[in-house]
Amino acid sequence: MGRAAEVDAVVRALRRPRYEVLPLDDVAELVAEHVPADVTVTVTASPARGLDRTLDVAERLAAGGHRVVPHLSARLVADQAHLKEILERLHGCGIGDAFVIAGDVKEPAGPFAGALDLLAAMADAGHRLGEVGIAGYPERHPFIDDDVTIQAMWDKRHFATYIVSQLCFHPRVVAAWVRRVRRRGVDLPIHVGVPGPVDAARLLRISTRIGIGESARFARRHTGWLPYLLRAGGYRPGRLVDGLAASLADPASRVAGLHVYTFNEVARTERWRQETLARLGTAADKDKEPRE
């Protein structure tokens, strides 16, 4: 596969990315100001703020014209009636996509201990969502064996339409994980999770807003972040995205695109995306110039 095909694949992925945001008070305004309407925005579920906060933000973004994907944390759903209320609320505001996870709450609020429980209940309830996402883990899950996480994707595949991978800094690890998923017979398209441009100071400020407990859980899951965040100028995802080019271009991988964890740095993330598209467009044009 040639470099031109890989560049084209990265450009396609960056033209239609997914931006993940945290449901903080100012995020709807930040997205409205900086994120084009053709960028899908996903809204995380916060144990401290509850699903209502996620749905409030999702409704505001949908009303502003964005394609929105709320995260539905199984352990935050109280019961069947609560689930029905959530599904009706999504349908009422025109949201047709949801990302279903177990959630980080230690004790479930109701009968749904994991994502599979909630997915099955959603199917039984006759949800009207056109798309349903589930999580994948290129690096080791902090609590679950690798083979178990891939088996879980197999178990959920009939309820879902795509996978979003947790963030990972290593393109070779991502590529190897994608091959393992495909060898196990899971053929759902994968949106590869990549961290957006961020620095340690920004993460510290966000940590104080999302709560100490949630910050500690994040730190346990991503212990390898520190060397990247402490670089001068913070972390930028350009090298990682370049390293993912072969996976993005390989049809057998079925990598659908990039899921960018913005940590609400949406202006900085969008600026990086536009700069990268401009750089890659220039490189592609040079590749197409006739050689003498």
Protein backbone atom coordinates (compact mmCIF):
# COMPACT_ATOMS: atom_id res chain seq x y z
CA MET A 1 0.00 0.00 0.00
CA GLY A 2 1.48 3.34 -1.05
CA ARG A 3 2.01 6.44 1.02
CA ALA A 4 -0.54 8.38 -1.07
CA ALA A 5 -3.28 5.91 -0.13
CA GLU A 6 -2.36 6.23 3.54
CA VAL A 7 -2.42 10.02 3.37
CA ASP A 8 -5.83 9.91 1.69
CA ALA A 9 -7.10 7.61 4.45
CA VAL A 10 -5.92 9.98 7.19
CA VAL A 11 -7.49 12.94 5.41
CA ARG A 12 -10.82 11.10 5.15
CA ALA A 13 -10.68 10.25 8.85
CA LEU A 14 -9.90 13.84 9.86
CA ARG A 15 -12.69 15.24 7.73
CA ARG A 16 -15.32 13.32 9.73
CA PRO A 17 -13.91 12.76 13.23
CA ARG A 18 -15.70 12.19 16.49
CA TYR A 19 -14.90 14.60 19.34
CA GLU A 20 -15.48 13.37 22.87
CA VAL A 21 -16.32 16.03 25.48
CA LEU A 22 -16.99 16.04 29.21
CA PRO A 23 -20.41 17.33 30.38
CA LEU A 24 -19.09 20.44 32.13
CA ASP A 25 -21.08 23.65 32.40
CA ASP A 26 -19.51 25.54 29.49
CA VAL A 27 -19.01 22.73 27.00
CA ALA A 28 -22.11 23.37 24.85
CA GLU A 29 -20.98 26.95 24.27
CA LEU A 30 -17.42 25.83 23.48
CA VAL A 31 -18.64 23.30 20.92
CA ALA A 32 -21.04 25.79 19.33
CA GLU A 33 -18.24 28.32 18.95
CA HIS A 34 -15.44 26.09 17.71
CA VAL A 35 -16.71 22.79 16.29
CA PRO A 36 -18.27 22.57 12.80
CA ALA A 37 -21.67 20.89 12.58
CA ASP A 38 -20.30 18.01 10.48
CA VAL A 39 -18.12 16.85 13.39
CA THR A 40 -19.85 14.25 15.57
CA VAL A 41 -19.71 15.11 19.28
CA THR A 42 -19.91 12.45 21.98
CA VAL A 43 -20.74 13.36 25.58
CA THR A 44 -19.34 11.27 28.42
CA ALA A 45 -21.31 10.03 31.43
CA SER A 46 -20.15 11.34 34.78
CA PRO A 47 -20.73 9.32 37.97
CA ALA A 48 -20.74 12.56 39.95
CA ARG A 49 -23.17 14.43 37.67
CA GLY A 50 -25.37 11.55 36.55
CA LEU A 51 -26.94 10.72 33.21
CA ASP A 52 -29.29 13.70 33.32
CA ARG A 53 -26.32 16.02 32.90
CA THR A 54 -25.07 14.03 29.89
CA LEU A 55 -28.51 14.12 28.30
CA ASP A 56 -28.93 17.86 29.02
CA VAL A 57 -25.68 18.62 27.17
CA ALA A 58 -26.56 16.22 24.35
CA GLU A 59 -29.96 17.87 23.85
CA ARG A 60 -28.41 21.33 23.69
CA LEU A 61 -25.82 20.22 21.14
CA ALA A 62 -28.44 18.44 19.03
CA ALA A 63 -30.62 21.55 19.06
CA GLY A 64 -27.62 23.48 17.74
CA GLY A 65 -27.32 21.19 14.74
CA HIS A 66 -24.62 18.74 15.81
CA ARG A 67 -24.79 14.98 15.45
CA VAL A 68 -24.54 13.94 19.09
CA VAL A 69 -23.75 10.64 20.79
CA PRO A 70 -24.45 10.49 24.53
CA HIS A 71 -22.65 7.88 26.62
CA LEU A 72 -25.09 5.64 28.48
CA SER A 73 -23.46 4.20 31.58
CA ALA A 74 -25.23 0.97 32.57
CA ARG A 75 -24.46 1.40 36.25
CA LEU A 76 -26.14 4.81 36.32
CA VAL A 77 -29.49 3.50 35.04
CA ALA A 78 -31.83 2.93 37.99
CA ASP A 79 -34.38 0.56 36.46
CA GLN A 80 -36.46 -0.29 33.39
CA ALA A 81 -38.60 2.81 33.81
CA HIS A 82 -35.50 5.00 33.93
CA LEU A 83 -34.18 3.31 30.77
CA LYS A 84 -37.47 3.89 28.97
CA GLU A 85 -37.37 7.56 29.99
CA ILE A 86 -33.82 7.89 28.62
CA LEU A 87 -34.69 6.26 25.30
CA GLU A 88 -37.79 8.42 24.87
CA ARG A 89 -35.78 11.51 25.66
CA LEU A 90 -33.20 10.65 22.99
CA HIS A 91 -35.89 9.95 20.42
CA GLY A 92 -37.69 13.17 21.28
CA CYS A 93 -34.70 15.34 20.45
CA GLY A 94 -33.71 13.43 17.34
CA ILE A 95 -30.64 11.64 18.71
CA GLY A 96 -30.19 8.32 16.94
CA ASP A 97 -26.83 7.14 18.29
CA ALA A 98 -25.65 6.15 21.77
CA PHE A 99 -22.42 4.74 23.19
CA VAL A 100 -23.07 2.08 25.85
CA ILE A 101 -20.53 1.37 28.59
CA ALA A 102 -20.58 -0.26 32.01
CA GLY A 103 -19.41 2.88 33.80
CA ASP A 104 -17.02 3.46 36.67
CA VAL A 105 -19.54 3.42 39.51
CA LYS A 106 -18.59 0.75 42.05
CA GLU A 107 -22.16 -0.19 42.94
CA PRO A 108 -24.83 -0.14 40.17
CA ALA A 109 -27.81 2.11 40.76
CA GLY A 110 -30.09 -0.65 39.43
CA PRO A 111 -30.11 -4.07 37.76
CA PHE A 112 -27.55 -3.28 35.02
CA ALA A 113 -24.09 -4.32 36.14
CA GLY A 114 -22.47 -4.05 32.72
CA ALA A 115 -22.88 -2.85 29.16
CA LEU A 116 -24.23 -6.18 27.91
CA ASP A 117 -27.05 -6.08 30.48
CA LEU A 118 -28.07 -2.62 29.32
CA LEU A 119 -27.76 -3.45 25.63
CA ALA A 120 -30.06 -6.43 26.02
CA ALA A 121 -32.59 -4.34 27.95
CA MET A 122 -32.47 -1.63 25.29
CA ALA A 123 -33.21 -4.23 22.61
CA ASP A 124 -36.08 -5.63 24.66
CA ALA A 125 -37.44 -2.10 25.07
CA GLY A 126 -37.46 -1.66 21.28
CA HIS A 127 -35.11 1.31 21.18
CA ARG A 128 -35.22 3.37 17.98
CA LEU A 129 -31.52 4.15 17.78
CA GLY A 130 -29.93 3.69 14.39
CA GLU A 131 -26.42 3.31 15.81
CA VAL A 132 -25.12 1.83 19.09
CA GLY A 133 -21.46 1.85 20.06
CA ILE A 134 -19.47 -0.29 22.49
CA ALA A 135 -15.98 0.05 23.95
CA GLY A 136 -12.73 -1.71 23.03
CA TYR A 137 -9.37 -1.75 24.83
CA PRO A 138 -6.14 -1.79 22.76
CA GLU A 139 -4.07 -1.70 25.95
CA ARG A 140 -4.78 -3.74 29.05
CA HIS A 141 -7.97 -2.90 30.89
CA PRO A 142 -7.09 -2.00 34.50
CA PHE A 143 -9.42 -4.66 35.88
CA ILE A 144 -10.23 -7.12 33.05
CA ASP A 145 -8.05 -9.60 31.11
CA ASP A 146 -7.49 -8.82 27.41
CA ASP A 147 -9.15 -12.00 26.16
CA VAL A 148 -12.18 -11.24 28.30
CA THR A 149 -12.58 -7.76 26.79
CA ILE A 150 -12.47 -9.17 23.25
CA GLN A 151 -14.91 -11.91 24.22
CA ALA A 152 -17.18 -9.19 25.61
CA MET A 153 -17.18 -7.47 22.22
CA TRP A 154 -18.16 -10.80 20.64
CA ASP A 155 -21.03 -11.14 23.13
CA LYS A 156 -22.25 -7.59 22.42
CA ARG A 157 -21.85 -7.63 18.64
CA HIS A 158 -25.51 -8.41 17.90
CA PHE A 159 -26.62 -5.36 19.89
CA ALA A 160 -24.05 -2.88 18.51
CA THR A 161 -23.12 -1.31 15.20
CA TYR A 162 -19.58 -0.06 15.95
CA ILE A 163 -16.69 -0.08 18.43
CA VAL A 164 -14.78 2.86 19.91
CA SER A 165 -11.33 2.04 21.27
CA GLN A 166 -10.02 3.55 24.46
CA LEU A 167 -7.18 5.98 23.87
CA CYS A 168 -3.72 4.58 23.22
CA PHE A 169 -0.44 6.30 22.36
CA HIS A 170 1.07 3.42 20.38
CA PRO A 171 -0.06 2.79 16.76
CA ARG A 172 1.57 -0.66 16.68
CA VAL A 173 -0.41 -1.68 19.76
CA VAL A 174 -3.61 -0.42 18.12
CA ALA A 175 -2.88 -2.25 14.86
CA ALA A 176 -2.10 -5.51 16.68
CA TRP A 177 -5.29 -5.20 18.72
CA VAL A 178 -7.40 -4.59 15.60
CA ARG A 179 -5.94 -7.76 14.05
CA ARG A 180 -6.76 -9.75 17.20
CA VAL A 181 -10.33 -8.44 17.19
CA ARG A 182 -10.76 -9.45 13.56
CA ARG A 183 -9.23 -12.89 14.13
CA ARG A 184 -11.81 -13.48 16.86
CA GLY A 185 -14.59 -12.86 14.34
CA VAL A 186 -15.71 -9.41 15.53
CA ASP A 187 -16.26 -7.40 12.34
CA LEU A 188 -17.91 -4.23 13.65
CA PRO A 189 -16.29 -1.04 12.32
CA ILE A 190 -13.82 0.51 14.77
CA HIS A 191 -13.32 4.17 15.59
CA VAL A 192 -9.79 4.41 16.97
CA GLY A 193 -9.47 6.53 20.10
CA VAL A 194 -6.69 9.11 20.06
CA PRO A 195 -5.94 11.82 22.64
CA GLY A 196 -6.28 15.33 21.30
CA PRO A 197 -3.69 18.07 21.96
CA VAL A 198 -3.58 18.62 25.69
CA ASP A 199 -1.10 19.37 28.46
CA ALA A 200 -0.73 18.45 32.12
CA ALA A 201 -1.97 21.82 33.37
CA ARG A 202 -5.18 21.49 31.39
CA LEU A 203 -5.83 18.00 32.71
CA LEU A 204 -5.21 19.21 36.25
CA ARG A 205 -7.79 22.01 35.83
CA ILE A 206 -10.33 19.55 34.44
CA SER A 207 -9.60 17.11 37.25
CA THR A 208 -10.68 19.66 39.82
CA ARG A 209 -13.99 20.09 37.96
CA ILE A 210 -14.89 16.44 37.38
CA GLY A 211 -14.12 15.41 40.96
CA ILE A 212 -11.26 13.71 42.76
CA GLY A 213 -12.80 10.23 42.53
CA GLU A 214 -13.22 10.37 38.78
CA SER A 215 -9.75 11.88 38.37
CA ALA A 216 -8.25 9.00 40.34
CA ARG A 217 -10.07 6.46 38.19
CA PHE A 218 -8.77 8.14 35.04
CA ALA A 219 -5.22 8.16 36.41
CA ARG A 220 -5.39 4.43 37.19
CA ARG A 221 -6.53 3.67 33.66
CA HIS A 222 -3.89 5.82 31.94
CA THR A 223 -0.69 5.58 33.97
CA GLY A 224 1.44 5.95 30.82
CA TRP A 225 0.29 9.50 30.11
CA LEU A 226 2.77 11.46 32.21
CA PRO A 227 5.85 11.36 29.93
CA TYR A 228 3.73 12.65 27.03
CA LEU A 229 1.97 15.37 28.98
CA LEU A 230 5.17 16.79 30.47
CA ARG A 231 6.74 17.48 27.09
CA ALA A 232 7.34 21.13 26.29
CA GLY A 233 4.13 22.49 24.80
CA GLY A 234 2.13 19.47 25.89
CA TYR A 235 1.02 16.50 23.84
CA ARG A 236 0.11 16.69 20.15
CA PRO A 237 -1.36 13.70 18.30
CA GLY A 238 0.26 14.18 14.89
CA ARG A 239 2.83 11.39 15.18
CA LEU A 240 0.22 8.95 16.51
CA VAL A 241 -2.22 9.73 13.69
CA ASP A 242 0.56 9.33 11.12
CA GLY A 243 1.38 5.97 12.68
CA LEU A 244 -2.24 4.86 12.30
CA ALA A 245 -2.30 5.63 8.56
CA ALA A 246 -1.74 2.02 7.47
CA SER A 247 -4.58 0.76 9.65
CA LEU A 248 -6.89 3.49 8.39
CA ALA A 249 -6.06 2.62 4.77
CA ASP A 250 -6.32 -1.18 5.11
CA PRO A 251 -9.85 -2.35 4.15
CA ALA A 252 -9.41 -5.57 6.15
CA SER A 253 -8.98 -3.54 9.35
CA ARG A 254 -12.41 -1.91 8.97
CA VAL A 255 -11.19 1.15 10.87
CA ALA A 256 -14.01 3.63 10.38
CA GLY A 257 -12.24 6.74 11.64
CA LEU A 258 -10.82 8.62 14.61
CA HIS A 259 -12.45 9.24 17.97
CA VAL A 260 -10.63 12.20 19.54
CA TYR A 261 -10.60 12.60 23.31
CA THR A 262 -10.60 16.41 23.58
CA PHE A 263 -10.82 16.89 27.37
CA ASN A 264 -12.91 19.92 26.33
CA GLU A 265 -9.94 21.52 24.56
CA VAL A 266 -12.22 21.77 21.54
CA ALA A 267 -10.76 24.99 20.12
CA ARG A 268 -7.22 23.63 20.31
CA THR A 269 -8.31 20.26 18.91
CA GLU A 270 -10.14 21.82 15.98
CA ARG A 271 -7.18 24.09 15.23
CA TRP A 272 -4.87 21.03 15.20
CA ARG A 273 -7.28 19.18 12.89
CA GLN A 274 -7.48 22.02 10.37
CA GLU A 275 -3.70 22.53 10.41
CA THR A 276 -3.16 18.80 9.85
CA LEU A 277 -5.64 18.70 6.98
CA ALA A 278 -3.88 21.65 5.36
CA ARG A 279 -0.49 19.98 5.78
CA LEU A 280 -1.66 16.65 4.39
CA GLY A 281 -3.48 18.34 1.53
CA THR A 282 -0.26 20.06 0.52
CA ALA A 283 1.64 16.76 0.76
CA ALA A 284 -0.98 14.97 -1.34
CA ASP A 285 -0.84 17.68 -4.01
CA LYS A 286 2.94 17.30 -4.22
CA ASP A 287 2.59 13.52 -4.63
CA LYS A 288 0.25 14.07 -7.57
CA GLU A 289 2.55 16.49 -9.39
CA PRO A 290 3.95 15.00 -12.62
CA ARG A 291 7.58 13.93 -12.39
CA GLU A 292 9.98 15.11 -15.06
